[in-house]
């Protein structure tokens, strides 16, 4: 078993030698932000367009690197990362917010809004708004920038009101009318807990309100989407008779594991230790149903009984995605599983969580890192056996978020563990 110091050394080396060199090369020094429209192995930039989804995530990442460097967790100079994060935030402040207060989904290289789907408009996904909030929040926390904090709160309030009214567009895969998606309260938990940490650190008067919102969003997941055996439903039907459809039967093991990482962190933020047991139960269930015992790794989607997705069809775009790509092995569930299982082990001492972490670690680092060290990063999209697959699974981007976020959060947790000894 690797020690805390062994793990910290491993992840610091992976960050510095595999991940950061790629993304440093991808930064746009002229306009701010980052280029992400690469092919799967990272060798060809196929477009200079900028999805605000990824730009907000990049601002959070670079801000977090700066904050952890300031705290002595990372051995890099904070200022270059903070400066580029600030340039990205300024780019988003200038160009991403539309006159109606929503965020554009796609921008050109210089920031002009562009329709990703001709005729659909510019503000087609509230997820983009949420990730822009994360970018503003991360930057405000690292820099103390009050304007970024207020922009984050203004956009958050706008998103929360749209969610309350049920007025949300959710490209790239729209939620069918009347149905409820786990992804909505899940992302609201994450955005709210990031804002809560910022507001507490800033001594802001809205910190108490944000804690209450976090409680409500987390309890919605636990009470509405989580089943007694630990399964977490991805889509809940508008009508009981639709429970037999592919959409309502399918599970997303990676989403469940990622969300349980959020809930474990939220339990610590709010003192709700009663959330810990159901979070661990859900992680165990996701691995039980979602792990590929033949090739290793987590399936993208499974049926609620762990078999390939099945059920009655009604021709939905997301339904087709589930059926076509269920056995693919994607970068993001595995990156999130590294963090969530290690966090669960640290919080509870549960040995099975450490075993799940070790299993995931072994699979991830023999499968995903790019075999060409001159390119670096990960070959993010793979087929069931682990071979690279040149396809699009959501946005047509090589997104910087999940791998770097998980590595940064792991390093932060490991540093905290060392300090507490």
Protein backbone atom coordinates (compact mmCIF):
# COMPACT_ATOMS: atom_id res chain seq x y z
CA UNK A 1 0.00 0.00 0.00
CA UNK A 2 1.35 3.43 -0.96
CA UNK A 3 1.93 5.86 1.90
CA UNK A 4 0.54 9.39 1.92
CA UNK A 5 3.98 10.72 0.97
CA UNK A 6 4.32 8.18 -1.83
CA UNK A 7 0.98 9.25 -3.28
CA UNK A 8 1.80 12.92 -2.96
CA UNK A 9 5.09 12.42 -4.77
CA UNK A 10 3.38 10.39 -7.51
CA UNK A 11 0.64 12.97 -8.16
CA UNK A 12 2.99 15.94 -8.04
CA UNK A 13 5.21 14.29 -10.64
CA UNK A 14 2.18 13.44 -12.82
CA UNK A 15 0.96 17.02 -12.56
CA UNK A 16 4.31 18.57 -13.46
CA UNK A 17 5.48 16.16 -16.15
CA UNK A 18 2.29 14.92 -17.83
CA UNK A 19 -0.59 17.37 -17.32
CA UNK A 20 0.68 20.93 -16.96
CA UNK A 21 3.03 20.94 -19.98
CA UNK A 22 0.13 20.18 -22.34
CA UNK A 23 -2.21 22.81 -20.95
CA UNK A 24 0.46 25.48 -20.69
CA UNK A 25 0.93 25.10 -24.45
CA UNK A 26 -2.83 25.39 -25.00
CA UNK A 27 -3.22 28.81 -23.32
CA UNK A 28 -4.32 31.69 -25.57
CA UNK A 29 -1.88 34.50 -24.62
CA UNK A 30 -3.66 37.09 -26.75
CA UNK A 31 -7.34 36.89 -25.85
CA UNK A 32 -7.28 34.93 -22.60
CA UNK A 33 -8.66 31.47 -21.99
CA UNK A 34 -7.49 28.19 -23.42
CA UNK A 35 -7.79 26.24 -26.65
CA UNK A 36 -9.54 22.91 -26.10
CA UNK A 37 -10.78 21.74 -29.51
CA UNK A 38 -8.06 19.10 -29.95
CA UNK A 39 -8.36 15.62 -31.32
CA UNK A 40 -8.45 12.83 -28.73
CA UNK A 41 -4.70 12.30 -28.48
CA UNK A 42 -4.00 16.03 -28.30
CA UNK A 43 -1.89 16.31 -31.44
CA UNK A 44 -4.15 18.48 -33.63
CA UNK A 45 -6.03 21.68 -32.78
CA UNK A 46 -9.12 21.33 -34.95
CA UNK A 47 -10.81 24.63 -34.02
CA UNK A 48 -10.00 27.85 -32.16
CA UNK A 49 -13.58 28.28 -30.97
CA UNK A 50 -14.04 28.43 -27.21
CA UNK A 51 -16.79 26.66 -25.30
CA UNK A 52 -17.55 28.73 -22.19
CA UNK A 53 -18.12 25.44 -20.35
CA UNK A 54 -14.39 24.67 -20.68
CA UNK A 55 -13.22 28.28 -20.24
CA UNK A 56 -14.90 28.55 -16.84
CA UNK A 57 -13.41 25.23 -15.81
CA UNK A 58 -9.95 26.38 -16.92
CA UNK A 59 -10.24 29.58 -14.88
CA UNK A 60 -11.11 27.48 -11.81
CA UNK A 61 -8.18 25.12 -12.42
CA UNK A 62 -5.55 27.81 -12.90
CA UNK A 63 -6.92 29.74 -9.91
CA UNK A 64 -6.79 26.61 -7.77
CA UNK A 65 -3.21 25.90 -8.80
CA UNK A 66 -2.34 29.46 -7.75
CA UNK A 67 -4.17 29.08 -4.42
CA UNK A 68 -2.48 25.77 -3.63
CA UNK A 69 0.89 27.24 -4.59
CA UNK A 70 0.24 30.15 -2.23
CA UNK A 71 -0.51 27.62 0.52
CA UNK A 72 2.69 25.67 -0.14
CA UNK A 73 0.88 22.58 -1.41
CA UNK A 74 2.34 22.90 -4.91
CA UNK A 75 5.90 23.78 -5.81
CA UNK A 76 5.11 26.22 -8.63
CA UNK A 77 5.06 30.02 -8.69
CA UNK A 78 1.51 31.19 -8.09
CA UNK A 79 1.60 34.44 -10.04
CA UNK A 80 1.72 33.15 -13.65
CA UNK A 81 -1.27 30.89 -13.01
CA UNK A 82 -3.22 33.61 -11.24
CA UNK A 83 -2.48 36.08 -14.02
CA UNK A 84 -3.72 33.73 -16.72
CA UNK A 85 -6.78 32.82 -14.65
CA UNK A 86 -7.52 36.54 -14.36
CA UNK A 87 -7.19 36.99 -18.12
CA UNK A 88 -9.62 34.13 -18.66
CA UNK A 89 -12.10 35.55 -16.15
CA UNK A 90 -11.86 38.95 -17.86
CA UNK A 91 -12.46 37.28 -21.23
CA UNK A 92 -15.61 35.65 -19.85
CA UNK A 93 -16.78 38.84 -18.15
CA UNK A 94 -16.45 40.75 -21.43
CA UNK A 95 -17.94 38.18 -23.77
CA UNK A 96 -19.80 35.29 -22.13
CA UNK A 97 -22.69 37.08 -20.40
CA UNK A 98 -25.55 37.79 -22.79
CA UNK A 99 -27.99 40.71 -22.44
CA UNK A 100 -30.58 38.41 -20.80
CA UNK A 101 -28.09 37.48 -18.06
CA UNK A 102 -27.48 33.94 -19.33
CA UNK A 103 -24.14 32.66 -20.59
CA UNK A 104 -23.32 32.00 -24.19
CA UNK A 105 -22.48 28.36 -24.84
CA UNK A 106 -19.89 28.94 -27.55
CA UNK A 107 -17.60 31.84 -28.44
CA UNK A 108 -15.18 32.45 -31.27
CA UNK A 109 -11.50 32.80 -30.48
CA UNK A 110 -11.87 36.53 -29.82
CA UNK A 111 -15.13 36.19 -27.87
CA UNK A 112 -17.96 36.67 -30.35
CA UNK A 113 -21.00 34.52 -29.44
CA UNK A 114 -21.58 31.74 -31.96
CA UNK A 115 -24.43 29.28 -32.36
CA UNK A 116 -23.26 25.72 -31.73
CA UNK A 117 -26.55 24.47 -33.18
CA UNK A 118 -27.77 26.69 -36.04
CA UNK A 119 -30.99 28.41 -35.10
CA UNK A 120 -30.97 27.26 -31.45
CA UNK A 121 -29.63 30.51 -30.00
CA UNK A 122 -26.56 31.21 -27.89
CA UNK A 123 -27.71 30.31 -24.36
CA UNK A 124 -28.50 26.63 -24.79
CA UNK A 125 -27.03 25.11 -21.62
CA UNK A 126 -27.21 26.23 -18.03
CA UNK A 127 -24.22 23.95 -17.36
CA UNK A 128 -22.09 26.55 -19.15
CA UNK A 129 -23.38 29.18 -16.71
CA UNK A 130 -22.48 26.93 -13.78
CA UNK A 131 -18.93 26.43 -14.96
CA UNK A 132 -18.48 30.15 -15.52
CA UNK A 133 -19.61 30.64 -11.92
CA UNK A 134 -16.96 28.12 -10.85
CA UNK A 135 -14.32 30.09 -12.75
CA UNK A 136 -15.32 33.39 -11.16
CA UNK A 137 -15.49 31.74 -7.73
CA UNK A 138 -12.10 30.05 -7.98
CA UNK A 139 -10.47 33.28 -9.11
CA UNK A 140 -12.08 35.36 -6.38
CA UNK A 141 -10.94 32.86 -3.75
CA UNK A 142 -7.33 32.85 -4.97
CA UNK A 143 -7.03 36.57 -5.70
CA UNK A 144 -9.46 38.30 -3.34
CA UNK A 145 -11.01 40.05 -6.36
CA UNK A 146 -14.34 41.46 -5.13
CA UNK A 147 -15.70 42.08 -8.62
CA UNK A 148 -15.27 38.40 -9.50
CA UNK A 149 -17.04 37.44 -6.27
CA UNK A 150 -19.99 39.70 -7.02
CA UNK A 151 -20.15 38.48 -10.62
CA UNK A 152 -20.21 34.89 -9.35
CA UNK A 153 -23.08 35.67 -6.97
CA UNK A 154 -25.05 37.58 -9.60
CA UNK A 155 -24.80 34.74 -12.09
CA UNK A 156 -25.49 32.15 -9.38
CA UNK A 157 -28.70 33.93 -8.35
CA UNK A 158 -29.80 34.00 -11.98
CA UNK A 159 -29.13 30.27 -12.39
CA UNK A 160 -30.85 29.39 -9.11
CA UNK A 161 -33.97 31.28 -10.15
CA UNK A 162 -34.04 29.54 -13.52
CA UNK A 163 -33.67 26.18 -11.77
CA UNK A 164 -36.49 27.02 -9.35
CA UNK A 165 -38.74 27.97 -12.28
CA UNK A 166 -37.75 24.87 -14.28
CA UNK A 167 -36.48 27.12 -17.06
CA UNK A 168 -33.25 25.31 -17.91
CA UNK A 169 -31.79 24.32 -21.25
CA UNK A 170 -29.33 21.47 -20.96
CA UNK A 171 -27.41 20.91 -24.19
CA UNK A 172 -25.64 18.86 -25.38
CA UNK A 173 -28.35 16.43 -24.23
CA UNK A 174 -31.71 18.06 -23.43
CA UNK A 175 -33.74 16.59 -20.58
CA UNK A 176 -37.10 15.33 -21.95
CA UNK A 177 -40.06 17.50 -20.90
CA UNK A 178 -41.30 16.78 -17.40
CA UNK A 179 -38.46 14.43 -16.48
CA UNK A 180 -35.93 15.22 -13.76
CA UNK A 181 -32.19 14.71 -14.16
CA UNK A 182 -29.73 13.95 -11.37
CA UNK A 183 -27.21 16.21 -13.16
CA UNK A 184 -29.15 19.36 -12.21
CA UNK A 185 -29.01 19.19 -8.38
CA UNK A 186 -25.58 17.57 -8.68
CA UNK A 187 -23.98 20.54 -10.41
CA UNK A 188 -25.84 22.93 -8.11
CA UNK A 189 -24.31 21.13 -5.11
CA UNK A 190 -20.83 21.60 -6.55
CA UNK A 191 -21.29 25.24 -7.50
CA UNK A 192 -22.89 26.05 -4.15
CA UNK A 193 -20.18 24.38 -2.09
CA UNK A 194 -17.47 26.25 -4.02
CA UNK A 195 -19.27 29.52 -3.34
CA UNK A 196 -19.74 28.57 0.31
CA UNK A 197 -16.00 28.07 0.78
CA UNK A 198 -15.34 31.43 -0.86
CA UNK A 199 -17.96 33.29 1.19
CA UNK A 200 -16.79 31.75 4.47
CA UNK A 201 -13.17 32.69 3.69
CA UNK A 202 -14.25 36.23 2.77
CA UNK A 203 -16.50 36.66 5.82
CA UNK A 204 -19.35 37.43 3.44
CA UNK A 205 -22.87 37.93 4.88
CA UNK A 206 -24.39 35.46 2.43
CA UNK A 207 -22.37 32.48 3.73
CA UNK A 208 -25.23 31.24 5.92
CA UNK A 209 -27.69 31.43 3.05
CA UNK A 210 -25.30 29.47 0.84
CA UNK A 211 -24.97 26.76 3.47
CA UNK A 212 -28.77 26.45 3.57
CA UNK A 213 -28.90 26.14 -0.22
CA UNK A 214 -26.23 23.46 -0.13
CA UNK A 215 -28.29 21.51 2.38
CA UNK A 216 -31.38 21.69 0.16
CA UNK A 217 -29.65 20.62 -3.04
CA UNK A 218 -27.83 17.75 -1.33
CA UNK A 219 -30.97 16.54 0.40
CA UNK A 220 -32.79 16.58 -2.94
CA UNK A 221 -30.23 14.12 -4.32
CA UNK A 222 -30.39 11.88 -1.26
CA UNK A 223 -34.19 11.90 -0.95
CA UNK A 224 -35.19 11.93 -4.63
CA UNK A 225 -32.51 10.25 -6.74
CA UNK A 226 -30.78 7.84 -4.36
CA UNK A 227 -32.44 4.45 -3.97
CA UNK A 228 -32.31 2.40 -0.73
CA UNK A 229 -29.72 -0.01 -2.17
CA UNK A 230 -27.38 2.84 -3.16
CA UNK A 231 -28.28 3.16 -6.83
CA UNK A 232 -28.56 6.77 -7.98
CA UNK A 233 -31.13 7.33 -10.73
CA UNK A 234 -29.94 9.53 -13.59
CA UNK A 235 -33.37 10.34 -15.02
CA UNK A 236 -36.67 10.21 -13.14
CA UNK A 237 -39.84 9.78 -15.21
CA UNK A 238 -42.55 12.36 -15.51
CA UNK A 239 -45.07 9.50 -15.51
CA UNK A 240 -44.76 6.22 -13.63
CA UNK A 241 -45.43 4.26 -16.81
CA UNK A 242 -42.18 5.62 -18.31
CA UNK A 243 -40.06 3.93 -15.65
CA UNK A 244 -39.38 1.05 -18.09
CA UNK A 245 -37.65 3.25 -20.68
CA UNK A 246 -33.95 3.21 -21.51
CA UNK A 247 -33.62 6.73 -20.12
CA UNK A 248 -35.16 5.92 -16.75
CA UNK A 249 -33.54 2.50 -16.37
CA UNK A 250 -29.98 3.56 -17.17
CA UNK A 251 -27.34 4.42 -14.55
CA UNK A 252 -24.17 6.46 -14.93
CA UNK A 253 -21.61 4.97 -12.51
CA UNK A 254 -19.09 7.79 -12.99
CA UNK A 255 -21.69 10.47 -12.28
CA UNK A 256 -22.70 8.70 -9.08
CA UNK A 257 -19.10 8.41 -7.88
CA UNK A 258 -18.32 12.03 -8.75
CA UNK A 259 -21.42 13.25 -6.93
CA UNK A 260 -20.62 11.20 -3.83
CA UNK A 261 -17.29 13.02 -3.71
CA UNK A 262 -19.28 16.27 -3.62
CA UNK A 263 -21.56 14.94 -0.88
CA UNK A 264 -18.70 13.72 1.28
CA UNK A 265 -17.15 17.16 1.06
CA UNK A 266 -20.54 18.80 1.72
CA UNK A 267 -20.97 16.64 4.83
CA UNK A 268 -17.83 18.21 6.22
CA UNK A 269 -18.91 21.72 5.24
CA UNK A 270 -22.33 21.42 6.89
CA UNK A 271 -21.76 18.96 9.73
CA UNK A 272 -24.18 16.46 8.16
CA UNK A 273 -22.24 13.33 9.05
CA UNK A 274 -25.40 11.30 8.37
CA UNK A 275 -24.69 11.78 4.64
CA UNK A 276 -21.46 9.79 4.83
CA UNK A 277 -22.96 6.28 5.05
CA UNK A 278 -25.30 6.67 2.06
CA UNK A 279 -22.48 8.25 0.03
CA UNK A 280 -20.25 5.22 0.66
CA UNK A 281 -23.14 2.87 -0.11
CA UNK A 282 -23.64 4.64 -3.46
CA UNK A 283 -19.93 4.41 -4.33
CA UNK A 284 -19.93 0.70 -3.59
CA UNK A 285 -23.05 0.17 -5.70
CA UNK A 286 -21.65 2.15 -8.61
CA UNK A 287 -18.54 -0.05 -8.64
CA UNK A 288 -20.58 -3.23 -8.19
CA UNK A 289 -22.80 -2.43 -11.18
CA UNK A 290 -20.40 -0.41 -13.32
CA UNK A 291 -17.00 -2.09 -13.16
CA UNK A 292 -15.99 -4.16 -16.21
CA UNK A 293 -14.74 -7.47 -14.83
CA UNK A 294 -13.36 -8.49 -18.24
CA UNK A 295 -11.26 -5.49 -19.30
CA UNK A 296 -11.27 -3.35 -16.16
CA UNK A 297 -12.52 0.19 -15.79
CA UNK A 298 -15.96 1.73 -15.41
CA UNK A 299 -18.58 1.41 -18.10
CA UNK A 300 -20.04 4.72 -19.25
CA UNK A 301 -23.62 3.53 -18.75
CA UNK A 302 -25.31 0.40 -17.43
CA UNK A 303 -28.85 -0.77 -16.83
CA UNK A 304 -30.13 -0.53 -13.27
CA UNK A 305 -29.33 -4.24 -12.83
CA UNK A 306 -25.74 -3.86 -14.09
CA UNK A 307 -26.34 -5.35 -17.53
CA UNK A 308 -26.03 -3.41 -20.83
CA UNK A 309 -28.65 -0.64 -21.04
CA UNK A 310 -32.10 -1.81 -22.07
CA UNK A 311 -35.72 -0.77 -21.96
CA UNK A 312 -38.47 0.76 -24.01
CA UNK A 313 -37.32 3.36 -26.50
CA UNK A 314 -38.95 6.54 -27.65
CA UNK A 315 -36.30 8.03 -29.95
CA UNK A 316 -34.55 10.53 -27.67
CA UNK A 317 -31.07 11.81 -28.62
CA UNK A 318 -29.64 10.99 -25.19
CA UNK A 319 -31.23 7.55 -25.32
CA UNK A 320 -29.27 6.83 -28.51
CA UNK A 321 -26.06 8.03 -26.86
CA UNK A 322 -26.62 5.58 -23.99
CA UNK A 323 -27.15 2.65 -26.36
CA UNK A 324 -24.27 3.55 -28.68
CA UNK A 325 -21.55 4.35 -26.12
CA UNK A 326 -22.46 2.43 -22.96
CA UNK A 327 -19.29 0.30 -22.88
CA UNK A 328 -16.78 3.07 -23.60
CA UNK A 329 -14.11 3.94 -21.03
CA UNK A 330 -13.90 7.70 -20.57
CA UNK A 331 -11.30 9.77 -18.76
CA UNK A 332 -13.60 11.71 -16.46
CA UNK A 333 -15.35 8.92 -14.47
CA UNK A 334 -11.98 7.37 -13.72
CA UNK A 335 -10.36 10.64 -12.66
CA UNK A 336 -13.32 11.35 -10.38
CA UNK A 337 -13.21 7.80 -8.98
CA UNK A 338 -9.58 8.32 -7.93
CA UNK A 339 -10.55 11.33 -5.83
CA UNK A 340 -13.86 10.07 -4.44
CA UNK A 341 -12.54 6.71 -3.26
CA UNK A 342 -9.42 8.22 -1.69
CA UNK A 343 -11.56 10.89 0.01
CA UNK A 344 -13.98 8.23 1.28
CA UNK A 345 -11.08 6.25 2.73
CA UNK A 346 -9.62 9.34 4.41
CA UNK A 347 -12.96 10.41 5.87
CA UNK A 348 -14.01 7.01 7.20
CA UNK A 349 -10.99 4.71 7.22
CA UNK A 350 -13.08 2.15 5.30
CA UNK A 351 -10.67 -0.40 3.90
CA UNK A 352 -12.91 -1.31 0.98
CA UNK A 353 -12.69 2.31 -0.20
CA UNK A 354 -8.92 2.03 -0.22
CA UNK A 355 -9.17 -1.21 -2.22
CA UNK A 356 -11.46 0.52 -4.72
CA UNK A 357 -8.97 3.36 -4.95
CA UNK A 358 -6.07 0.95 -5.57
CA UNK A 359 -8.05 -0.91 -8.25
CA UNK A 360 -8.91 2.34 -10.00
CA UNK A 361 -5.37 3.70 -9.72
CA UNK A 362 -3.91 0.58 -11.33
CA UNK A 363 -6.39 0.72 -14.23
CA UNK A 364 -6.16 4.47 -14.80
CA UNK A 365 -2.42 4.81 -15.02
CA UNK A 366 -1.93 1.83 -17.30
CA UNK A 367 -4.76 2.98 -19.59
CA UNK A 368 -5.18 6.74 -19.97
CA UNK A 369 -1.86 8.68 -19.92
CA UNK A 370 -0.67 9.50 -23.43
CA UNK A 371 2.11 7.09 -24.41
CA UNK A 372 3.86 9.95 -26.24
CA UNK A 373 5.57 12.05 -23.54
CA UNK A 374 6.15 14.85 -26.04
CA UNK A 375 2.37 15.37 -26.19
CA UNK A 376 1.46 14.49 -22.61
CA UNK A 377 -1.96 14.61 -20.89
CA UNK A 378 -4.29 11.63 -21.36
CA UNK A 379 -5.83 9.98 -24.38
CA UNK A 380 -9.22 10.65 -22.91
CA UNK A 381 -11.71 8.57 -24.92
CA UNK A 382 -11.24 4.81 -25.21
CA UNK A 383 -13.26 1.79 -26.23
CA UNK A 384 -14.15 -1.05 -23.91
CA UNK A 385 -10.77 -2.74 -24.21
CA UNK A 386 -8.92 0.53 -23.62
CA UNK A 387 -7.93 1.36 -27.19
CA UNK A 388 -8.15 5.04 -28.23
CA UNK A 389 -11.43 5.96 -29.93
CA UNK A 390 -11.62 9.04 -32.15
CA UNK A 391 -15.14 10.22 -31.39
CA UNK A 392 -17.09 12.98 -29.62
CA UNK A 393 -18.85 12.07 -26.37
CA UNK A 394 -20.28 15.45 -25.28
CA UNK A 395 -18.54 18.65 -26.36
CA UNK A 396 -16.04 18.33 -29.23
CA UNK A 397 -13.17 19.24 -26.92
CA UNK A 398 -10.27 17.80 -24.98
CA UNK A 399 -11.47 19.23 -21.71
CA UNK A 400 -8.91 20.16 -19.04
CA UNK A 401 -11.21 19.77 -16.06
CA UNK A 402 -11.71 16.36 -14.50
CA UNK A 403 -8.15 15.05 -14.57
CA UNK A 404 -6.53 18.21 -13.26
CA UNK A 405 -9.30 18.85 -10.75
CA UNK A 406 -9.02 15.37 -9.28
CA UNK A 407 -5.22 15.57 -9.09
CA UNK A 408 -5.37 18.99 -7.42
CA UNK A 409 -8.02 17.92 -4.91
CA UNK A 410 -6.07 14.75 -4.12
CA UNK A 411 -2.90 16.75 -3.52
CA UNK A 412 -4.80 19.18 -1.30
CA UNK A 413 -6.25 16.31 0.75
CA UNK A 414 -2.88 14.55 1.05
CA UNK A 415 -1.25 17.77 2.24
CA UNK A 416 -4.00 18.22 4.84
CA UNK A 417 -3.49 14.64 6.01
CA UNK A 418 0.25 15.17 6.40
CA UNK A 419 -0.29 18.43 8.31
CA UNK A 420 -2.79 16.83 10.70
CA UNK A 421 -0.33 14.15 11.81
